[in-house]
Amino acid sequence: MEWHAPRLVHGDFDDDHIFAHHGTYTGIIDFGEIQGSSPLYDLGHFKLHDGQYHHDRLGFRSLAAGYNEVRELSYEDQVEIDLWALWIGTRRLARRYKYNRRDSQGNWGRYHDHLRKTVQIEIQLLVHKI
């Protein structure tokens, strides 16, 4: 995933960080996780978290369509985005297991369930792409 020169990226970009007013984009917040990485890292992070709150999973499609208006995403870029989503999701799951983040009833919670489901989806997408 070193196909692109590193750039500054948001680091934990998802739909919670995008502001809009009456359907018009107004800004992005929360740069506490900013880092140097592939310019596609944030797209992978966004894809991983798409559908976490709204189950339609249309946010990533809209984001990618807007990105394509500025710079067309190649097939290799799309594979890299999937790899980033898989890598970030696997890393987050490992952290949850390491710190045993279960609720008082022993359940892992909604975020854990979302991560597991999305990681499985990304694995299947990559199996068919590669």
C-alpha atoms as a PDB file:
ATOM      1  CA  MET A   1       0.000   0.000   0.000  1.00  0.00           C
ATOM      2  CA  GLU A   2       2.935   2.263  -0.715  1.00  0.00           C
ATOM      3  CA  TRP A   3       1.922   3.002  -4.310  1.00  0.00           C
ATOM      4  CA  HIS A   4       1.378   6.673  -3.540  1.00  0.00           C
ATOM      5  CA  ALA A   5       3.680   9.191  -1.904  1.00  0.00           C
ATOM      6  CA  PRO A   6       2.520   9.978   1.659  1.00  0.00           C
ATOM      7  CA  ARG A   7       0.311  13.003   2.221  1.00  0.00           C
ATOM      8  CA  LEU A   8      -1.317  14.493   5.287  1.00  0.00           C
ATOM      9  CA  VAL A   9      -4.555  12.642   5.966  1.00  0.00           C
ATOM     10  CA  HIS A  10      -7.372  13.236   8.439  1.00  0.00           C
ATOM     11  CA  GLY A  11      -6.670   9.889  10.125  1.00  0.00           C
ATOM     12  CA  ASP A  12     -10.156   8.926  11.297  1.00  0.00           C
ATOM     13  CA  PHE A  13     -12.366  10.340   8.568  1.00  0.00           C
ATOM     14  CA  ASP A  14     -16.021   9.299   8.637  1.00  0.00           C
ATOM     15  CA  ASP A  15     -19.408  10.968   8.287  1.00  0.00           C
ATOM     16  CA  ASP A  16     -19.301  12.261  11.888  1.00  0.00           C
ATOM     17  CA  HIS A  17     -16.608  14.740  10.822  1.00  0.00           C
ATOM     18  CA  ILE A  18     -18.388  16.286   7.844  1.00  0.00           C
ATOM     19  CA  PHE A  19     -20.573  19.328   8.320  1.00  0.00           C
ATOM     20  CA  ALA A  20     -23.288  20.448   5.939  1.00  0.00           C
ATOM     21  CA  HIS A  21     -26.007  23.060   6.031  1.00  0.00           C
ATOM     22  CA  HIS A  22     -29.141  22.529   3.921  1.00  0.00           C
ATOM     23  CA  GLY A  23     -27.345  19.870   1.877  1.00  0.00           C
ATOM     24  CA  THR A  24     -24.271  22.011   1.148  1.00  0.00           C
ATOM     25  CA  TYR A  25     -20.839  20.980   2.447  1.00  0.00           C
ATOM     26  CA  THR A  26     -19.544  23.507   5.004  1.00  0.00           C
ATOM     27  CA  GLY A  27     -16.472  21.872   6.558  1.00  0.00           C
ATOM     28  CA  ILE A  28     -14.583  19.047   8.227  1.00  0.00           C
ATOM     29  CA  ILE A  29     -13.671  18.840  11.921  1.00  0.00           C
ATOM     30  CA  ASP A  30     -11.540  16.773  14.310  1.00  0.00           C
ATOM     31  CA  PHE A  31      -7.976  16.621  13.069  1.00  0.00           C
ATOM     32  CA  GLY A  32      -6.717  14.942  16.252  1.00  0.00           C
ATOM     33  CA  GLU A  33      -5.591  11.821  14.340  1.00  0.00           C
ATOM     34  CA  ILE A  34      -3.886  13.657  11.453  1.00  0.00           C
ATOM     35  CA  GLN A  35      -0.915  11.733  10.068  1.00  0.00           C
ATOM     36  CA  GLY A  36       1.170  11.116   6.988  1.00  0.00           C
ATOM     37  CA  SER A  37      -0.124   8.233   4.886  1.00  0.00           C
ATOM     38  CA  SER A  38      -1.407   7.229   1.497  1.00  0.00           C
ATOM     39  CA  PRO A  39      -3.864   9.755   0.058  1.00  0.00           C
ATOM     40  CA  LEU A  40      -6.328   6.835  -0.061  1.00  0.00           C
ATOM     41  CA  TYR A  41      -6.099   6.052   3.677  1.00  0.00           C
ATOM     42  CA  ASP A  42      -9.014   8.331   4.560  1.00  0.00           C
ATOM     43  CA  LEU A  43     -11.175   6.761   1.861  1.00  0.00           C
ATOM     44  CA  GLY A  44     -10.449   3.328   3.348  1.00  0.00           C
ATOM     45  CA  HIS A  45     -11.305   4.584   6.829  1.00  0.00           C
ATOM     46  CA  PHE A  46     -14.525   6.146   5.587  1.00  0.00           C
ATOM     47  CA  LYS A  47     -15.474   2.967   3.722  1.00  0.00           C
ATOM     48  CA  LEU A  48     -14.874   0.865   6.842  1.00  0.00           C
ATOM     49  CA  HIS A  49     -17.220   3.046   8.891  1.00  0.00           C
ATOM     50  CA  ASP A  50     -19.852   3.618   6.204  1.00  0.00           C
ATOM     51  CA  GLY A  51     -23.143   2.115   7.329  1.00  0.00           C
ATOM     52  CA  GLN A  52     -22.219   2.184  11.002  1.00  0.00           C
ATOM     53  CA  TYR A  53     -25.058   4.583  11.802  1.00  0.00           C
ATOM     54  CA  HIS A  54     -27.095   4.528   8.603  1.00  0.00           C
ATOM     55  CA  HIS A  55     -27.386   1.045   7.156  1.00  0.00           C
ATOM     56  CA  ASP A  56     -27.766   2.170   3.543  1.00  0.00           C
ATOM     57  CA  ARG A  57     -23.951   2.356   3.043  1.00  0.00           C
ATOM     58  CA  LEU A  58     -24.395   5.125   0.450  1.00  0.00           C
ATOM     59  CA  GLY A  59     -21.964   7.557   2.038  1.00  0.00           C
ATOM     60  CA  PHE A  60     -18.844   5.961   0.593  1.00  0.00           C
ATOM     61  CA  ARG A  61     -20.339   5.797  -2.904  1.00  0.00           C
ATOM     62  CA  SER A  62     -21.120   9.506  -2.743  1.00  0.00           C
ATOM     63  CA  LEU A  63     -17.668  10.344  -1.378  1.00  0.00           C
ATOM     64  CA  ALA A  64     -15.930   8.249  -4.067  1.00  0.00           C
ATOM     65  CA  ALA A  65     -18.070   9.855  -6.794  1.00  0.00           C
ATOM     66  CA  GLY A  66     -17.029  13.308  -5.575  1.00  0.00           C
ATOM     67  CA  TYR A  67     -13.398  12.200  -5.385  1.00  0.00           C
ATOM     68  CA  ASN A  68     -13.662  10.923  -8.964  1.00  0.00           C
ATOM     69  CA  GLU A  69     -14.678  14.400 -10.110  1.00  0.00           C
ATOM     70  CA  VAL A  70     -11.290  15.693  -8.934  1.00  0.00           C
ATOM     71  CA  ARG A  71      -9.101  12.657  -9.593  1.00  0.00           C
ATOM     72  CA  GLU A  72     -10.330   9.445 -11.162  1.00  0.00           C
ATOM     73  CA  LEU A  73      -9.893   6.407  -8.946  1.00  0.00           C
ATOM     74  CA  SER A  74      -8.186   3.616 -10.864  1.00  0.00           C
ATOM     75  CA  TYR A  75      -8.831  -0.081 -10.307  1.00  0.00           C
ATOM     76  CA  GLU A  76      -5.583  -0.220  -8.297  1.00  0.00           C
ATOM     77  CA  ASP A  77      -6.785   2.725  -6.184  1.00  0.00           C
ATOM     78  CA  GLN A  78     -10.039   0.896  -5.448  1.00  0.00           C
ATOM     79  CA  VAL A  79      -8.110  -2.201  -4.380  1.00  0.00           C
ATOM     80  CA  GLU A  80      -5.909  -0.057  -2.129  1.00  0.00           C
ATOM     81  CA  ILE A  81      -8.991   1.540  -0.547  1.00  0.00           C
ATOM     82  CA  ASP A  82     -10.337  -1.936   0.209  1.00  0.00           C
ATOM     83  CA  LEU A  83      -6.960  -2.948   1.675  1.00  0.00           C
ATOM     84  CA  TRP A  84      -6.914   0.132   3.903  1.00  0.00           C
ATOM     85  CA  ALA A  85     -10.469  -0.593   5.099  1.00  0.00           C
ATOM     86  CA  LEU A  86      -9.453  -4.178   5.874  1.00  0.00           C
ATOM     87  CA  TRP A  87      -6.220  -3.153   7.618  1.00  0.00           C
ATOM     88  CA  ILE A  88      -7.859  -0.432   9.732  1.00  0.00           C
ATOM     89  CA  GLY A  89     -10.772  -2.717  10.649  1.00  0.00           C
ATOM     90  CA  THR A  90      -8.503  -5.602  11.618  1.00  0.00           C
ATOM     91  CA  ARG A  91      -6.327  -3.267  13.709  1.00  0.00           C
ATOM     92  CA  ARG A  92      -9.378  -1.847  15.492  1.00  0.00           C
ATOM     93  CA  LEU A  93     -10.739  -5.323  16.223  1.00  0.00           C
ATOM     94  CA  ALA A  94      -7.338  -6.389  17.622  1.00  0.00           C
ATOM     95  CA  ARG A  95      -7.335  -3.381  19.951  1.00  0.00           C
ATOM     96  CA  ARG A  96     -10.840  -4.182  21.161  1.00  0.00           C
ATOM     97  CA  TYR A  97      -9.785  -7.767  21.909  1.00  0.00           C
ATOM     98  CA  LYS A  98      -6.542  -6.657  23.560  1.00  0.00           C
ATOM     99  CA  TYR A  99      -8.372  -4.388  25.981  1.00  0.00           C
ATOM    100  CA  ASN A 100     -11.381  -6.769  26.267  1.00  0.00           C
ATOM    101  CA  ARG A 101     -13.898  -4.021  25.560  1.00  0.00           C
ATOM    102  CA  ARG A 102     -17.068  -5.816  26.510  1.00  0.00           C
ATOM    103  CA  ASP A 103     -20.067  -4.355  28.265  1.00  0.00           C
ATOM    104  CA  SER A 104     -21.269  -5.470  31.694  1.00  0.00           C
ATOM    105  CA  GLN A 105     -23.222  -8.372  30.109  1.00  0.00           C
ATOM    106  CA  GLY A 106     -20.143  -9.627  28.253  1.00  0.00           C
ATOM    107  CA  ASN A 107     -21.261  -8.354  24.831  1.00  0.00           C
ATOM    108  CA  TRP A 108     -18.786  -6.767  22.454  1.00  0.00           C
ATOM    109  CA  GLY A 109     -21.250  -4.107  21.307  1.00  0.00           C
ATOM    110  CA  ARG A 110     -22.514  -2.539  18.107  1.00  0.00           C
ATOM    111  CA  TYR A 111     -19.172  -1.105  16.980  1.00  0.00           C
ATOM    112  CA  HIS A 112     -17.495  -4.508  17.299  1.00  0.00           C
ATOM    113  CA  ASP A 113     -20.327  -6.105  15.310  1.00  0.00           C
ATOM    114  CA  HIS A 114     -20.005  -3.435  12.620  1.00  0.00           C
ATOM    115  CA  LEU A 115     -16.239  -3.940  12.373  1.00  0.00           C
ATOM    116  CA  ARG A 116     -16.545  -7.738  12.114  1.00  0.00           C
ATOM    117  CA  LYS A 117     -19.204  -7.518   9.418  1.00  0.00           C
ATOM    118  CA  THR A 118     -17.345  -4.892   7.401  1.00  0.00           C
ATOM    119  CA  VAL A 119     -14.000  -6.728   7.638  1.00  0.00           C
ATOM    120  CA  GLN A 120     -15.730  -9.861   6.317  1.00  0.00           C
ATOM    121  CA  ILE A 121     -17.254  -7.845   3.453  1.00  0.00           C
ATOM    122  CA  GLU A 122     -13.854  -6.356   2.568  1.00  0.00           C
ATOM    123  CA  ILE A 123     -12.232  -9.798   2.547  1.00  0.00           C
ATOM    124  CA  GLN A 124     -14.887 -11.055   0.123  1.00  0.00           C
ATOM    125  CA  LEU A 125     -14.504  -7.981  -2.108  1.00  0.00           C
ATOM    126  CA  LEU A 126     -10.740  -8.453  -2.249  1.00  0.00           C
ATOM    127  CA  VAL A 127     -11.020 -12.167  -2.960  1.00  0.00           C
ATOM    128  CA  HIS A 128     -13.059 -11.334  -6.060  1.00  0.00           C
ATOM    129  CA  LYS A 129     -10.838  -8.414  -7.135  1.00  0.00           C
ATOM    130  CA  ILE A 130      -7.427 -10.040  -6.820  1.00  0.00           C
END
